[in-house]
Amino acid sequence: MFNFDRQTGTLSKFKHLPVESEGIGSGVAVSPNSRYLYVSARDTLFQFDLEAEEVFLSGEVVGIYDGFQSPFSATFHNAQLAPDCKIYINTFATVDVLHVIHNPDEPGLACNFEQHAVQLPFNHRRSLPHFPNYRLGPLVEGEAPPPPCEPVVSTEEEALPTHQKAYIFPNPAPGYFKVVFEQILRRPGRVVLYNGLGQAVLEAQLEAGSREFRIELSGVAPGLYFYGVFRDGVAVKAGKLVVSR
């Protein structure tokens, strides 16, 4: 660990923090308030208090791998603080989920770590985007530094409930399937069907003003596919679909 001067780029006050684990892991992230350090070690997630007199002795286990597989083991790997002030953790193997620390500014189990909380529309492996933190803004003398993130990320447009549930049936699909939302769509969406290589084989627009849509599968060969349902560019539903005849 180092202190970092964001104006000069200087690293100082080096401290070595040994983390013992039987597994291999490389996930490291710091809470938005800069107090808590999270370290993933494959099957274990640690939290350290950077304001404690003995940082190493402050270590607390806040997560232990629960054995979930999709299709491979969803253990803990890279970690990154996101613009919504949550920390997302991926896995070393090829899976279609992400883990989330919902309240990283809170101590111990109050950080609210949730395993395989985010369902992705396709598989990923090992990497997270390496985004420099462009959101800090300029330092102004005499003022507190700007926060690294905002709990509510929004635009000037009306916010939409991105967590509205969607349902896909029948599955297996006999030449068609339906996408049904809990509420009527106020803006258009889309559904995409992917083959095992991640290539889109079908894409259908979901027009605003309805909550139920029938998708025809003419030209789609029988087999196992992956689907994603999107609203405003955000995946609200993903999973597997068997196409039969």
Protein backbone atom coordinates (compact mmCIF):
# COMPACT_ATOMS: atom_id res chain seq x y z
CA MET A 1 0.00 0.00 0.00
CA PHE A 2 1.09 3.56 -0.73
CA ASN A 3 -0.16 7.04 -0.15
CA PHE A 4 -0.77 8.70 -3.51
CA ASP A 5 -0.48 12.40 -4.34
CA ARG A 6 -2.87 12.93 -7.26
CA GLN A 7 -1.29 16.28 -8.17
CA THR A 8 2.32 15.08 -8.45
CA GLY A 9 1.81 11.34 -8.93
CA THR A 10 4.15 10.65 -5.98
CA LEU A 11 3.89 7.35 -4.10
CA SER A 12 4.97 7.39 -0.43
CA LYS A 13 4.66 5.63 2.94
CA PHE A 14 4.91 2.08 1.61
CA LYS A 15 3.34 -0.63 3.78
CA HIS A 16 3.37 -4.36 3.14
CA LEU A 17 0.08 -6.13 3.86
CA PRO A 18 0.44 -9.93 3.83
CA VAL A 19 -2.76 -11.77 2.94
CA GLU A 20 -2.67 -15.50 3.55
CA SER A 21 -4.82 -17.75 1.39
CA GLU A 22 -4.62 -21.17 -0.21
CA GLY A 23 -6.03 -19.79 -3.44
CA ILE A 24 -4.78 -17.40 -6.08
CA GLY A 25 -6.47 -14.02 -6.27
CA SER A 26 -5.70 -10.52 -7.43
CA GLY A 27 -8.76 -8.48 -6.54
CA VAL A 28 -8.05 -5.19 -4.74
CA ALA A 29 -10.38 -2.20 -4.36
CA VAL A 30 -10.81 0.70 -1.95
CA SER A 31 -14.16 1.98 -0.63
CA PRO A 32 -15.43 5.38 -1.84
CA ASN A 33 -14.56 6.99 1.52
CA SER A 34 -10.99 5.62 1.24
CA ARG A 35 -11.26 3.85 4.59
CA TYR A 36 -11.74 0.18 3.72
CA LEU A 37 -9.52 -1.98 1.56
CA TYR A 38 -11.04 -5.11 0.00
CA VAL A 39 -8.81 -8.00 -1.08
CA SER A 40 -10.11 -11.13 -2.79
CA ALA A 41 -8.13 -14.33 -2.45
CA ARG A 42 -10.03 -16.71 -4.70
CA ASP A 43 -12.40 -18.25 -2.15
CA THR A 44 -12.24 -15.52 0.52
CA LEU A 45 -12.97 -11.78 0.55
CA PHE A 46 -11.16 -9.69 3.19
CA GLN A 47 -11.85 -6.17 4.45
CA PHE A 48 -9.09 -4.09 6.08
CA ASP A 49 -9.51 -0.79 7.94
CA LEU A 50 -6.92 1.63 6.54
CA GLU A 51 -7.47 3.98 9.51
CA ALA A 52 -6.62 1.33 12.10
CA GLU A 53 -3.30 1.56 13.96
CA GLU A 54 -2.47 -1.96 12.78
CA VAL A 55 -4.07 -2.37 9.36
CA PHE A 56 -3.14 -6.06 9.09
CA LEU A 57 -4.75 -6.89 12.45
CA SER A 58 -7.98 -5.18 11.35
CA GLY A 59 -8.57 -7.77 8.63
CA GLU A 60 -12.01 -9.33 8.64
CA VAL A 61 -13.53 -11.99 6.39
CA VAL A 62 -16.66 -10.56 4.75
CA GLY A 63 -17.24 -13.28 2.16
CA ILE A 64 -16.54 -16.98 1.59
CA TYR A 65 -17.17 -18.61 -1.78
CA ASP A 66 -20.50 -20.46 -1.70
CA GLY A 67 -19.71 -23.01 -4.42
CA PHE A 68 -21.84 -21.41 -7.17
CA GLN A 69 -20.99 -22.49 -10.74
CA SER A 70 -22.23 -21.07 -14.07
CA PRO A 71 -20.94 -23.15 -15.73
CA PHE A 72 -17.55 -23.04 -13.92
CA SER A 73 -16.62 -22.00 -10.39
CA ALA A 74 -17.52 -18.35 -9.66
CA THR A 75 -14.68 -17.68 -7.23
CA PHE A 76 -13.36 -14.16 -6.47
CA HIS A 77 -10.85 -12.39 -8.71
CA ASN A 78 -10.48 -8.78 -9.91
CA ALA A 79 -12.39 -5.97 -8.16
CA GLN A 80 -13.29 -2.43 -9.19
CA LEU A 81 -15.12 0.53 -7.68
CA ALA A 82 -17.87 1.60 -10.11
CA PRO A 83 -19.53 5.00 -10.71
CA ASP A 84 -22.53 3.87 -8.60
CA CYS A 85 -20.29 3.52 -5.49
CA LYS A 86 -20.51 -0.26 -5.47
CA ILE A 87 -17.54 -2.61 -5.90
CA TYR A 88 -17.91 -5.31 -8.57
CA ILE A 89 -15.84 -8.50 -8.48
CA ASN A 90 -15.40 -10.93 -11.35
CA THR A 91 -14.02 -14.47 -11.35
CA PHE A 92 -10.96 -16.29 -12.66
CA ALA A 93 -13.01 -18.84 -14.64
CA THR A 94 -15.42 -18.35 -17.55
CA VAL A 95 -18.83 -17.49 -16.06
CA ASP A 96 -21.78 -15.16 -16.68
CA VAL A 97 -22.07 -13.44 -13.28
CA LEU A 98 -20.44 -10.71 -11.18
CA HIS A 99 -20.27 -10.37 -7.39
CA VAL A 100 -21.15 -7.03 -5.73
CA ILE A 101 -20.21 -5.21 -2.53
CA HIS A 102 -23.30 -3.03 -2.16
CA ASN A 103 -22.18 -0.83 0.76
CA PRO A 104 -18.36 -0.75 0.70
CA ASP A 105 -18.17 2.25 3.11
CA GLU A 106 -19.61 0.10 5.94
CA PRO A 107 -17.50 -2.03 8.32
CA GLY A 108 -17.51 -5.81 8.41
CA LEU A 109 -20.53 -7.73 7.17
CA ALA A 110 -22.48 -4.45 6.94
CA CYS A 111 -20.66 -3.92 3.62
CA ASN A 112 -23.38 -6.20 2.21
CA PHE A 113 -21.38 -8.47 -0.08
CA GLU A 114 -23.62 -10.44 -2.49
CA GLN A 115 -22.26 -13.30 -4.54
CA HIS A 116 -23.28 -13.81 -8.22
CA ALA A 117 -25.56 -10.77 -7.87
CA VAL A 118 -25.34 -9.56 -11.48
CA GLN A 119 -26.45 -11.82 -14.33
CA LEU A 120 -24.57 -11.04 -17.54
CA PRO A 121 -25.96 -11.73 -21.03
CA PHE A 122 -22.82 -13.69 -21.98
CA ASN A 123 -19.77 -15.28 -20.41
CA HIS A 124 -16.64 -13.38 -19.44
CA ARG A 125 -13.31 -14.40 -17.96
CA ARG A 126 -10.73 -12.80 -15.63
CA SER A 127 -10.70 -9.21 -16.89
CA LEU A 128 -12.54 -6.07 -15.84
CA PRO A 129 -12.25 -2.80 -17.79
CA HIS A 130 -9.21 -0.83 -16.59
CA PHE A 131 -10.91 2.54 -16.19
CA PRO A 132 -8.82 5.40 -14.77
CA ASN A 133 -10.91 7.38 -12.32
CA TYR A 134 -11.90 10.30 -14.53
CA ARG A 135 -14.77 11.33 -12.25
CA LEU A 136 -12.77 13.05 -9.50
CA GLY A 137 -12.74 16.54 -10.98
CA PRO A 138 -10.24 19.30 -10.08
CA LEU A 139 -8.88 19.92 -6.59
CA VAL A 140 -9.90 23.32 -5.24
CA GLU A 141 -7.92 24.85 -2.39
CA GLY A 142 -9.96 25.11 0.79
CA GLU A 143 -12.66 22.71 -0.43
CA ALA A 144 -13.16 19.03 0.24
CA PRO A 145 -12.11 16.83 -2.68
CA PRO A 146 -14.99 15.66 -4.90
CA PRO A 147 -16.30 12.12 -4.33
CA PRO A 148 -15.04 9.30 -6.57
CA CYS A 149 -18.59 8.15 -7.33
CA GLU A 150 -22.28 8.90 -6.84
CA PRO A 151 -24.76 6.38 -5.35
CA VAL A 152 -27.34 7.46 -7.95
CA VAL A 153 -26.05 7.61 -11.51
CA SER A 154 -28.53 9.42 -13.72
CA THR A 155 -28.95 11.60 -16.79
CA GLU A 156 -31.05 14.68 -17.44
CA GLU A 157 -33.75 12.41 -18.84
CA GLU A 158 -36.41 10.78 -16.71
CA ALA A 159 -34.99 7.85 -14.76
CA LEU A 160 -36.39 4.43 -15.58
CA PRO A 161 -36.68 1.43 -13.25
CA THR A 162 -33.94 -0.77 -14.73
CA HIS A 163 -34.78 -3.66 -12.40
CA GLN A 164 -38.29 -4.32 -13.75
CA LYS A 165 -38.59 -8.07 -14.02
CA ALA A 166 -38.92 -9.78 -17.38
CA TYR A 167 -39.98 -13.36 -18.06
CA ILE A 168 -39.13 -15.65 -20.98
CA PHE A 169 -41.38 -18.60 -21.92
CA PRO A 170 -41.92 -21.24 -23.14
CA ASN A 171 -38.49 -22.83 -22.66
CA PRO A 172 -37.85 -25.02 -24.68
CA ALA A 173 -39.24 -22.72 -27.36
CA PRO A 174 -41.28 -24.45 -30.12
CA GLY A 175 -40.65 -22.01 -32.95
CA TYR A 176 -41.33 -18.89 -30.86
CA PHE A 177 -40.98 -17.46 -27.36
CA LYS A 178 -42.52 -14.58 -25.44
CA VAL A 179 -40.94 -11.75 -23.44
CA VAL A 180 -43.26 -10.45 -20.72
CA PHE A 181 -42.53 -7.49 -18.43
CA GLU A 182 -44.16 -6.69 -15.09
CA GLN A 183 -45.17 -3.26 -16.37
CA ILE A 184 -45.83 -1.67 -19.75
CA LEU A 185 -42.65 -0.44 -21.43
CA ARG A 186 -42.44 3.33 -21.57
CA ARG A 187 -39.45 3.21 -23.92
CA PRO A 188 -38.37 0.67 -26.54
CA GLY A 189 -36.21 -2.31 -25.65
CA ARG A 190 -34.74 -5.25 -27.50
CA VAL A 191 -34.02 -8.95 -27.10
CA VAL A 192 -30.93 -10.63 -28.56
CA LEU A 193 -30.30 -14.35 -29.04
CA TYR A 194 -26.66 -15.53 -29.06
CA ASN A 195 -25.09 -18.81 -30.13
CA GLY A 196 -22.38 -20.63 -28.17
CA LEU A 197 -19.68 -18.43 -29.73
CA GLY A 198 -21.36 -15.25 -28.50
CA GLN A 199 -22.56 -14.31 -32.00
CA ALA A 200 -26.00 -12.69 -32.31
CA VAL A 201 -28.29 -14.93 -34.38
CA LEU A 202 -31.50 -12.99 -33.77
CA GLU A 203 -32.38 -9.48 -32.60
CA ALA A 204 -35.90 -8.17 -32.11
CA GLN A 205 -37.09 -4.71 -31.10
CA LEU A 206 -39.57 -4.38 -28.21
CA GLU A 207 -41.79 -1.39 -28.92
CA ALA A 208 -42.98 0.91 -26.13
CA GLY A 209 -46.62 0.73 -25.05
CA SER A 210 -46.87 -3.02 -24.42
CA ARG A 211 -45.68 -5.51 -21.82
CA GLU A 212 -45.90 -8.78 -23.80
CA PHE A 213 -44.00 -9.59 -27.00
CA ARG A 214 -43.98 -12.71 -29.19
CA ILE A 215 -40.65 -13.45 -30.91
CA GLU A 216 -40.70 -15.77 -33.90
CA LEU A 217 -37.75 -18.15 -34.32
CA SER A 218 -38.03 -18.82 -38.04
CA GLY A 219 -34.56 -19.44 -39.45
CA VAL A 220 -33.06 -20.27 -36.04
CA ALA A 221 -31.79 -23.84 -35.92
CA PRO A 222 -32.72 -26.05 -32.96
CA GLY A 223 -30.18 -25.98 -30.14
CA LEU A 224 -29.04 -24.21 -26.99
CA TYR A 225 -28.77 -20.40 -27.08
CA PHE A 226 -28.19 -17.52 -24.70
CA TYR A 227 -30.47 -14.50 -24.58
CA GLY A 228 -30.34 -10.96 -23.25
CA VAL A 229 -33.24 -8.55 -22.74
CA PHE A 230 -32.19 -4.88 -22.81
CA ARG A 231 -33.83 -1.59 -21.87
CA ASP A 232 -31.98 1.68 -22.51
CA GLY A 233 -28.82 -0.33 -23.17
CA VAL A 234 -29.02 -2.10 -19.79
CA ALA A 235 -29.48 -5.88 -19.56
CA VAL A 236 -32.52 -6.57 -17.36
CA LYS A 237 -32.76 -10.30 -18.05
CA ALA A 238 -30.38 -12.96 -19.34
CA GLY A 239 -30.28 -16.72 -19.48
CA LYS A 240 -30.35 -19.81 -21.65
CA LEU A 241 -33.00 -20.79 -24.17
CA VAL A 242 -33.49 -24.15 -25.84
CA VAL A 243 -34.95 -23.90 -29.35
CA SER A 244 -36.90 -27.00 -30.35
CA ARG A 245 -39.14 -27.94 -33.26
